């Protein structure tokens, strides 16, 4: 990951996969563009592009852990930092969907 912020904890693809498999109630937040999301996204994720996050933050649950992701982890790290400052419990998916797909987790990715 290129972006580092001490307020934001990263989560690796395998850790996220374990949370999903165990049925943990998390909110997956995709902060990429609609075009990127339409091409490929982690199953169950919700799209709020980074540039819209400030206006749509009210759409996010305060009672769930949020895992933000983008392509490689930079945009989602910015989103996670912003959300942490707003009082959300949030983690950044290290390596983004790119690293997610390079692991065994590609089966949990939907493509259009």
Protein backbone atom coordinates (compact mmCIF):
# COMPACT_ATOMS: atom_id res chain seq x y z
CA UNK A 1 0.00 0.00 0.00
CA UNK A 2 1.24 3.49 -0.79
CA UNK A 3 -0.86 5.58 1.57
CA UNK A 4 -0.22 5.33 5.30
CA UNK A 5 -2.29 6.93 8.05
CA UNK A 6 -1.96 5.97 11.71
CA UNK A 7 -5.71 6.52 12.28
CA UNK A 8 -6.65 3.88 9.73
CA UNK A 9 -6.08 0.18 10.11
CA UNK A 10 -5.53 -1.95 7.03
CA UNK A 11 -7.09 -5.33 6.49
CA UNK A 12 -5.59 -7.89 4.13
CA UNK A 13 -7.59 -9.78 1.52
CA UNK A 14 -7.38 -13.05 3.44
CA UNK A 15 -8.58 -11.41 6.65
CA UNK A 16 -11.52 -9.84 4.81
CA UNK A 17 -12.36 -13.15 3.17
CA UNK A 18 -12.41 -14.82 6.61
CA UNK A 19 -14.78 -12.15 7.94
CA UNK A 20 -17.08 -12.64 4.97
CA UNK A 21 -17.00 -16.43 5.22
CA UNK A 22 -17.77 -16.35 8.94
CA UNK A 23 -20.83 -14.20 8.29
CA UNK A 24 -19.52 -11.19 10.17
CA UNK A 25 -21.79 -8.21 9.60
CA UNK A 26 -19.53 -5.75 7.75
CA UNK A 27 -20.27 -3.04 5.21
CA UNK A 28 -18.13 -3.24 2.06
CA UNK A 29 -17.63 0.20 0.55
CA UNK A 30 -16.33 0.58 -3.00
CA UNK A 31 -15.02 4.12 -3.53
CA UNK A 32 -14.06 3.69 -7.19
CA UNK A 33 -15.93 5.09 -10.17
CA UNK A 34 -19.25 3.66 -11.40
CA UNK A 35 -17.47 2.33 -14.49
CA UNK A 36 -14.85 0.50 -12.40
CA UNK A 37 -17.57 -0.92 -10.13
CA UNK A 38 -19.66 -2.10 -13.08
CA UNK A 39 -16.68 -3.90 -14.58
CA UNK A 40 -15.79 -5.75 -11.38
CA UNK A 41 -16.63 -5.51 -7.68
CA UNK A 42 -16.43 -7.55 -4.51
CA UNK A 43 -19.76 -9.31 -3.99
CA UNK A 44 -22.01 -7.45 -1.60
CA UNK A 45 -20.19 -4.14 -1.84
CA UNK A 46 -21.92 -0.78 -2.16
CA UNK A 47 -20.62 1.95 -4.44
CA UNK A 48 -20.07 5.49 -3.21
CA UNK A 49 -17.36 7.10 -5.35
CA UNK A 50 -14.70 8.91 -3.33
CA UNK A 51 -15.67 12.30 -4.80
CA UNK A 52 -19.26 11.80 -3.55
CA UNK A 53 -18.40 10.46 -0.11
CA UNK A 54 -18.66 13.76 1.74
CA UNK A 55 -22.19 14.32 0.44
CA UNK A 56 -23.34 10.73 0.95
CA UNK A 57 -21.69 9.84 4.26
CA UNK A 58 -25.14 9.67 5.88
CA UNK A 59 -25.82 6.52 3.80
CA UNK A 60 -23.22 4.57 5.78
CA UNK A 61 -24.04 2.58 8.91
CA UNK A 62 -22.52 3.73 12.20
CA UNK A 63 -23.23 0.35 13.82
CA UNK A 64 -21.12 -1.81 11.47
CA UNK A 65 -17.46 -2.05 10.64
CA UNK A 66 -16.86 -0.55 7.20
CA UNK A 67 -14.20 -1.96 4.89
CA UNK A 68 -13.36 0.48 2.11
CA UNK A 69 -11.66 -0.56 -1.11
CA UNK A 70 -10.58 0.82 -4.47
CA UNK A 71 -8.22 -0.44 -7.15
CA UNK A 72 -4.94 -0.54 -5.18
CA UNK A 73 -5.75 1.01 -1.81
CA UNK A 74 -4.95 4.71 -2.13
CA UNK A 75 -8.42 6.18 -2.67
CA UNK A 76 -9.89 3.87 -0.07
CA UNK A 77 -7.22 4.90 2.44
CA UNK A 78 -8.27 8.52 1.95
CA UNK A 79 -11.93 7.49 2.36
CA UNK A 80 -11.12 5.47 5.50
CA UNK A 81 -9.22 8.40 7.00
CA UNK A 82 -12.17 10.71 6.34
CA UNK A 83 -14.66 8.22 7.79
CA UNK A 84 -12.53 7.57 10.87
CA UNK A 85 -12.49 11.31 11.53
CA UNK A 86 -16.31 11.23 11.33
CA UNK A 87 -16.49 8.55 14.01
CA UNK A 88 -16.97 5.47 11.85
CA UNK A 89 -15.27 2.14 12.52
CA UNK A 90 -13.43 1.59 9.27
CA UNK A 91 -10.60 -0.40 7.72
CA UNK A 92 -8.85 -0.05 4.38
CA UNK A 93 -8.50 -3.11 2.13
CA UNK A 94 -4.76 -3.32 1.61
CA UNK A 95 -3.88 -3.61 -2.07
CA UNK A 96 -7.47 -2.96 -3.12
CA UNK A 97 -9.39 -5.15 -5.52
CA UNK A 98 -6.18 -5.74 -7.46
CA UNK A 99 -4.58 -7.67 -4.57
CA UNK A 100 -7.96 -9.20 -3.70
CA UNK A 101 -8.12 -10.74 -7.18
CA UNK A 102 -4.52 -11.98 -7.00
CA UNK A 103 -5.44 -14.11 -4.00
CA UNK A 104 -7.83 -17.01 -3.70
CA UNK A 105 -10.64 -14.50 -3.19
CA UNK A 106 -11.29 -13.88 -6.88
CA UNK A 107 -14.29 -16.23 -6.64
CA UNK A 108 -15.95 -13.63 -4.39
CA UNK A 109 -15.72 -10.99 -7.12
CA UNK A 110 -18.60 -10.25 -9.43
CA UNK A 111 -18.04 -9.15 -12.99
CA UNK A 112 -20.61 -7.68 -15.32
